[in-house]
Amino acid sequence: MWTVIYLAPDRLTAERIREKMESEGFWVRIRPSHYAVGQYEVLVPSGELEEAQEVLRSIL
């Protein structure tokens, strides 16, 4: 199961985060948000959530 880890303001930001997370060894998906036009959800597998959050903090 996939879990939203971050809501990016635009596709470019979501792509940048995905690239950095993948370079750290995470599986990452992005998809348009159903809640806000133009925003994108960054998702990781639920089992990697805690570790992915730590890496995301260092990216942001």
PDB file of N, CA and C in Angstrom:
ATOM      1  N   MET A   1       0.843  -1.175   0.000  1.00  0.00           N
ATOM      2  CA  MET A   1       0.000   0.000   0.000  1.00  0.00           C
ATOM      3  C   MET A   1       0.894   1.247   0.000  1.00  0.00           C
ATOM      4  N   TRP A   2       0.473   2.248  -0.714  1.00  0.00           N
ATOM      5  CA  TRP A   2       1.222   3.500  -0.842  1.00  0.00           C
ATOM      6  C   TRP A   2       0.633   4.567   0.066  1.00  0.00           C
ATOM      7  N   THR A   3       1.505   5.404   0.621  1.00  0.00           N
ATOM      8  CA  THR A   3       1.103   6.453   1.558  1.00  0.00           C
ATOM      9  C   THR A   3       1.647   7.800   1.092  1.00  0.00           C
ATOM     10  N   VAL A   4       0.795   8.821   1.176  1.00  0.00           N
ATOM     11  CA  VAL A   4       1.228  10.172   0.815  1.00  0.00           C
ATOM     12  C   VAL A   4       2.194  10.677   1.878  1.00  0.00           C
ATOM     13  N   ILE A   5       3.361  11.115   1.431  1.00  0.00           N
ATOM     14  CA  ILE A   5       4.376  11.618   2.352  1.00  0.00           C
ATOM     15  C   ILE A   5       4.514  13.131   2.241  1.00  0.00           C
ATOM     16  N   TYR A   6       4.102  13.677   1.089  1.00  0.00           N
ATOM     17  CA  TYR A   6       4.271  15.119   0.882  1.00  0.00           C
ATOM     18  C   TYR A   6       3.296  15.593  -0.185  1.00  0.00           C
ATOM     19  N   LEU A   7       2.784  16.801  -0.020  1.00  0.00           N
ATOM     20  CA  LEU A   7       1.924  17.434  -1.012  1.00  0.00           C
ATOM     21  C   LEU A   7       2.721  18.575  -1.633  1.00  0.00           C
ATOM     22  N   ALA A   8       3.180  18.357  -2.849  1.00  0.00           N
ATOM     23  CA  ALA A   8       4.027  19.338  -3.537  1.00  0.00           C
ATOM     24  C   ALA A   8       3.162  20.405  -4.209  1.00  0.00           C
ATOM     25  N   PRO A   9       3.640  21.642  -4.245  1.00  0.00           N
ATOM     26  CA  PRO A   9       2.856  22.728  -4.841  1.00  0.00           C
ATOM     27  C   PRO A   9       2.737  22.638  -6.359  1.00  0.00           C
ATOM     28  N   ASP A  10       3.646  21.872  -6.993  1.00  0.00           N
ATOM     29  CA  ASP A  10       3.597  21.736  -8.452  1.00  0.00           C
ATOM     30  C   ASP A  10       4.335  20.467  -8.877  1.00  0.00           C
ATOM     31  N   ARG A  11       4.192  20.122 -10.152  1.00  0.00           N
ATOM     32  CA  ARG A  11       4.793  18.886 -10.661  1.00  0.00           C
ATOM     33  C   ARG A  11       6.320  18.935 -10.603  1.00  0.00           C
ATOM     34  N   LEU A  12       6.904  20.073 -10.904  1.00  0.00           N
ATOM     35  CA  LEU A  12       8.362  20.197 -10.904  1.00  0.00           C
ATOM     36  C   LEU A  12       8.946  19.874  -9.524  1.00  0.00           C
ATOM     37  N   THR A  13       8.330  20.392  -8.482  1.00  0.00           N
ATOM     38  CA  THR A  13       8.782  20.114  -7.117  1.00  0.00           C
ATOM     39  C   THR A  13       8.622  18.633  -6.792  1.00  0.00           C
ATOM     40  N   ALA A  14       7.494  18.052  -7.188  1.00  0.00           N
ATOM     41  CA  ALA A  14       7.255  16.625  -6.945  1.00  0.00           C
ATOM     42  C   ALA A  14       8.296  15.770  -7.659  1.00  0.00           C
ATOM     43  N   GLU A  15       8.623  16.122  -8.894  1.00  0.00           N
ATOM     44  CA  GLU A  15       9.634  15.380  -9.657  1.00  0.00           C
ATOM     45  C   GLU A  15      11.008  15.481  -8.992  1.00  0.00           C
ATOM     46  N   ARG A  16      11.343  16.673  -8.509  1.00  0.00           N
ATOM     47  CA  ARG A  16      12.633  16.879  -7.847  1.00  0.00           C
ATOM     48  C   ARG A  16      12.737  16.011  -6.593  1.00  0.00           C
ATOM     49  N   ILE A  17      11.662  15.984  -5.804  1.00  0.00           N
ATOM     50  CA  ILE A  17      11.647  15.165  -4.589  1.00  0.00           C
ATOM     51  C   ILE A  17      11.735  13.688  -4.949  1.00  0.00           C
ATOM     52  N   ARG A  18      10.986  13.269  -5.971  1.00  0.00           N
ATOM     53  CA  ARG A  18      11.028  11.863  -6.388  1.00  0.00           C
ATOM     54  C   ARG A  18      12.450  11.458  -6.788  1.00  0.00           C
ATOM     55  N   GLU A  19      13.115  12.288  -7.573  1.00  0.00           N
ATOM     56  CA  GLU A  19      14.479  11.971  -8.005  1.00  0.00           C
ATOM     57  C   GLU A  19      15.425  11.811  -6.817  1.00  0.00           C
ATOM     58  N   LYS A  20      15.333  12.706  -5.859  1.00  0.00           N
ATOM     59  CA  LYS A  20      16.222  12.635  -4.694  1.00  0.00           C
ATOM     60  C   LYS A  20      15.899  11.425  -3.823  1.00  0.00           C
ATOM     61  N   MET A  21      14.610  11.142  -3.647  1.00  0.00           N
ATOM     62  CA  MET A  21      14.219   9.982  -2.837  1.00  0.00           C
ATOM     63  C   MET A  21      14.649   8.685  -3.521  1.00  0.00           C
ATOM     64  N   GLU A  22      14.489   8.607  -4.837  1.00  0.00           N
ATOM     65  CA  GLU A  22      14.906   7.409  -5.564  1.00  0.00           C
ATOM     66  C   GLU A  22      16.420   7.226  -5.500  1.00  0.00           C
ATOM     67  N   SER A  23      17.163   8.318  -5.497  1.00  0.00           N
ATOM     68  CA  SER A  23      18.621   8.201  -5.392  1.00  0.00           C
ATOM     69  C   SER A  23      19.044   7.673  -4.018  1.00  0.00           C
ATOM     70  N   GLU A  24      18.146   7.801  -3.030  1.00  0.00           N
ATOM     71  CA  GLU A  24      18.390   7.260  -1.687  1.00  0.00           C
ATOM     72  C   GLU A  24      17.881   5.821  -1.559  1.00  0.00           C
ATOM     73  N   GLY A  25      17.306   5.285  -2.649  1.00  0.00           N
ATOM     74  CA  GLY A  25      16.876   3.891  -2.659  1.00  0.00           C
ATOM     75  C   GLY A  25      15.398   3.651  -2.393  1.00  0.00           C
ATOM     76  N   PHE A  26      14.592   4.693  -2.365  1.00  0.00           N
ATOM     77  CA  PHE A  26      13.156   4.542  -2.109  1.00  0.00           C
ATOM     78  C   PHE A  26      12.380   4.377  -3.406  1.00  0.00           C
ATOM     79  N   TRP A  27      11.293   3.629  -3.331  1.00  0.00           N
ATOM     80  CA  TRP A  27      10.332   3.582  -4.424  1.00  0.00           C
ATOM     81  C   TRP A  27       9.408   4.761  -4.207  1.00  0.00           C
ATOM     82  N   VAL A  28       9.180   5.545  -5.237  1.00  0.00           N
ATOM     83  CA  VAL A  28       8.377   6.760  -5.104  1.00  0.00           C
ATOM     84  C   VAL A  28       7.437   6.883  -6.296  1.00  0.00           C
ATOM     85  N   ARG A  29       6.216   7.302  -6.007  1.00  0.00           N
ATOM     86  CA  ARG A  29       5.242   7.620  -7.050  1.00  0.00           C
ATOM     87  C   ARG A  29       4.789   9.054  -6.843  1.00  0.00           C
ATOM     88  N   ILE A  30       4.385   9.686  -7.926  1.00  0.00           N
ATOM     89  CA  ILE A  30       3.727  10.981  -7.793  1.00  0.00           C
ATOM     90  C   ILE A  30       2.418  10.913  -8.570  1.00  0.00           C
ATOM     91  N   ARG A  31       1.443  11.686  -8.116  1.00  0.00           N
ATOM     92  CA  ARG A  31       0.163  11.748  -8.821  1.00  0.00           C
ATOM     93  C   ARG A  31      -0.484  13.096  -8.527  1.00  0.00           C
ATOM     94  N   PRO A  32      -1.316  13.566  -9.443  1.00  0.00           N
ATOM     95  CA  PRO A  32      -2.021  14.827  -9.187  1.00  0.00           C
ATOM     96  C   PRO A  32      -2.900  14.688  -7.944  1.00  0.00           C
ATOM     97  N   SER A  33      -2.959  15.731  -7.168  1.00  0.00           N
ATOM     98  CA  SER A  33      -3.789  15.729  -5.965  1.00  0.00           C
ATOM     99  C   SER A  33      -5.255  15.834  -6.354  1.00  0.00           C
ATOM    100  N   HIS A  34      -6.089  15.123  -5.625  1.00  0.00           N
ATOM    101  CA  HIS A  34      -7.530  15.204  -5.850  1.00  0.00           C
ATOM    102  C   HIS A  34      -8.136  16.375  -5.086  1.00  0.00           C
ATOM    103  N   TYR A  35      -7.342  17.015  -4.252  1.00  0.00           N
ATOM    104  CA  TYR A  35      -7.856  18.048  -3.366  1.00  0.00           C
ATOM    105  C   TYR A  35      -7.549  19.463  -3.817  1.00  0.00           C
ATOM    106  N   ALA A  36      -6.475  19.642  -4.572  1.00  0.00           N
ATOM    107  CA  ALA A  36      -6.088  20.990  -4.983  1.00  0.00           C
ATOM    108  C   ALA A  36      -5.524  20.951  -6.402  1.00  0.00           C
ATOM    109  N   VAL A  37      -6.023  21.814  -7.240  1.00  0.00           N
ATOM    110  CA  VAL A  37      -5.578  21.870  -8.630  1.00  0.00           C
ATOM    111  C   VAL A  37      -4.119  22.318  -8.687  1.00  0.00           C
ATOM    112  N   GLY A  38      -3.317  21.605  -9.452  1.00  0.00           N
ATOM    113  CA  GLY A  38      -1.914  21.964  -9.634  1.00  0.00           C
ATOM    114  C   GLY A  38      -0.969  21.328  -8.637  1.00  0.00           C
ATOM    115  N   GLN A  39      -1.482  20.817  -7.536  1.00  0.00           N
ATOM    116  CA  GLN A  39      -0.618  20.190  -6.539  1.00  0.00           C
ATOM    117  C   GLN A  39      -0.462  18.698  -6.842  1.00  0.00           C
ATOM    118  N   TYR A  40       0.654  18.135  -6.367  1.00  0.00           N
ATOM    119  CA  TYR A  40       0.953  16.726  -6.603  1.00  0.00           C
ATOM    120  C   TYR A  40       1.277  16.032  -5.293  1.00  0.00           C
ATOM    121  N   GLU A  41       0.797  14.795  -5.172  1.00  0.00           N
ATOM    122  CA  GLU A  41       1.087  13.972  -4.006  1.00  0.00           C
ATOM    123  C   GLU A  41       2.344  13.152  -4.283  1.00  0.00           C
ATOM    124  N   VAL A  42       3.221  13.085  -3.300  1.00  0.00           N
ATOM    125  CA  VAL A  42       4.409  12.235  -3.369  1.00  0.00           C
ATOM    126  C   VAL A  42       4.126  11.055  -2.445  1.00  0.00           C
ATOM    127  N   LEU A  43       4.202   9.841  -2.980  1.00  0.00           N
ATOM    128  CA  LEU A  43       3.851   8.647  -2.226  1.00  0.00           C
ATOM    129  C   LEU A  43       5.025   7.683  -2.114  1.00  0.00           C
ATOM    130  N   VAL A  44       5.075   6.972  -0.989  1.00  0.00           N
ATOM    131  CA  VAL A  44       6.061   5.911  -0.764  1.00  0.00           C
ATOM    132  C   VAL A  44       5.327   4.693  -0.204  1.00  0.00           C
ATOM    133  N   PRO A  45       5.920   3.502  -0.302  1.00  0.00           N
ATOM    134  CA  PRO A  45       5.301   2.327   0.310  1.00  0.00           C
ATOM    135  C   PRO A  45       5.151   2.529   1.825  1.00  0.00           C
ATOM    136  N   SER A  46       4.038   2.081   2.365  1.00  0.00           N
ATOM    137  CA  SER A  46       3.744   2.270   3.791  1.00  0.00           C
ATOM    138  C   SER A  46       4.845   1.736   4.697  1.00  0.00           C
ATOM    139  N   GLY A  47       5.466   0.643   4.323  1.00  0.00           N
ATOM    140  CA  GLY A  47       6.516   0.045   5.140  1.00  0.00           C
ATOM    141  C   GLY A  47       7.783   0.890   5.233  1.00  0.00           C
ATOM    142  N   GLU A  48       7.928   1.847   4.332  1.00  0.00           N
ATOM    143  CA  GLU A  48       9.117   2.703   4.320  1.00  0.00           C
ATOM    144  C   GLU A  48       8.818   4.106   4.845  1.00  0.00           C
ATOM    145  N   LEU A  49       7.621   4.315   5.370  1.00  0.00           N
ATOM    146  CA  LEU A  49       7.166   5.659   5.720  1.00  0.00           C
ATOM    147  C   LEU A  49       8.097   6.390   6.683  1.00  0.00           C
ATOM    148  N   GLU A  50       8.430   5.791   7.807  1.00  0.00           N
ATOM    149  CA  GLU A  50       9.242   6.486   8.817  1.00  0.00           C
ATOM    150  C   GLU A  50      10.623   6.851   8.280  1.00  0.00           C
ATOM    151  N   GLU A  51      11.263   5.910   7.629  1.00  0.00           N
ATOM    152  CA  GLU A  51      12.592   6.170   7.076  1.00  0.00           C
ATOM    153  C   GLU A  51      12.515   7.226   5.966  1.00  0.00           C
ATOM    154  N   ALA A  52      11.474   7.148   5.147  1.00  0.00           N
ATOM    155  CA  ALA A  52      11.302   8.115   4.060  1.00  0.00           C
ATOM    156  C   ALA A  52      11.055   9.520   4.606  1.00  0.00           C
ATOM    157  N   GLN A  53      10.335   9.626   5.722  1.00  0.00           N
ATOM    158  CA  GLN A  53      10.092  10.939   6.327  1.00  0.00           C
ATOM    159  C   GLN A  53      11.402  11.583   6.774  1.00  0.00           C
ATOM    160  N   GLU A  54      12.300  10.794   7.318  1.00  0.00           N
ATOM    161  CA  GLU A  54      13.601  11.323   7.750  1.00  0.00           C
ATOM    162  C   GLU A  54      14.388  11.862   6.558  1.00  0.00           C
ATOM    163  N   VAL A  55      14.399  11.109   5.470  1.00  0.00           N
ATOM    164  CA  VAL A  55      15.116  11.542   4.272  1.00  0.00           C
ATOM    165  C   VAL A  55      14.447  12.772   3.679  1.00  0.00           C
ATOM    166  N   LEU A  56      13.131  12.798   3.668  1.00  0.00           N
ATOM    167  CA  LEU A  56      12.405  13.954   3.130  1.00  0.00           C
ATOM    168  C   LEU A  56      12.751  15.223   3.900  1.00  0.00           C
ATOM    169  N   ARG A  57      12.856  15.126   5.211  1.00  0.00           N
ATOM    170  CA  ARG A  57      13.230  16.298   6.020  1.00  0.00           C
ATOM    171  C   ARG A  57      14.581  16.862   5.583  1.00  0.00           C
ATOM    172  N   SER A  58      15.513  15.994   5.270  1.00  0.00           N
ATOM    173  CA  SER A  58      16.835  16.472   4.844  1.00  0.00           C
ATOM    174  C   SER A  58      16.788  17.088   3.445  1.00  0.00           C
ATOM    175  N   ILE A  59      15.854  16.641   2.625  1.00  0.00           N
ATOM    176  CA  ILE A  59      15.710  17.188   1.273  1.00  0.00           C
ATOM    177  C   ILE A  59      15.088  18.577   1.315  1.00  0.00           C
ATOM    178  N   LEU A  60      14.079  18.725   2.171  1.00  0.00           N
ATOM    179  CA  LEU A  60      13.369  20.004   2.237  1.00  0.00           C
ATOM    180  C   LEU A  60      14.176  20.998   3.029  1.00  0.00           C
TER     181      LEU A  60
END
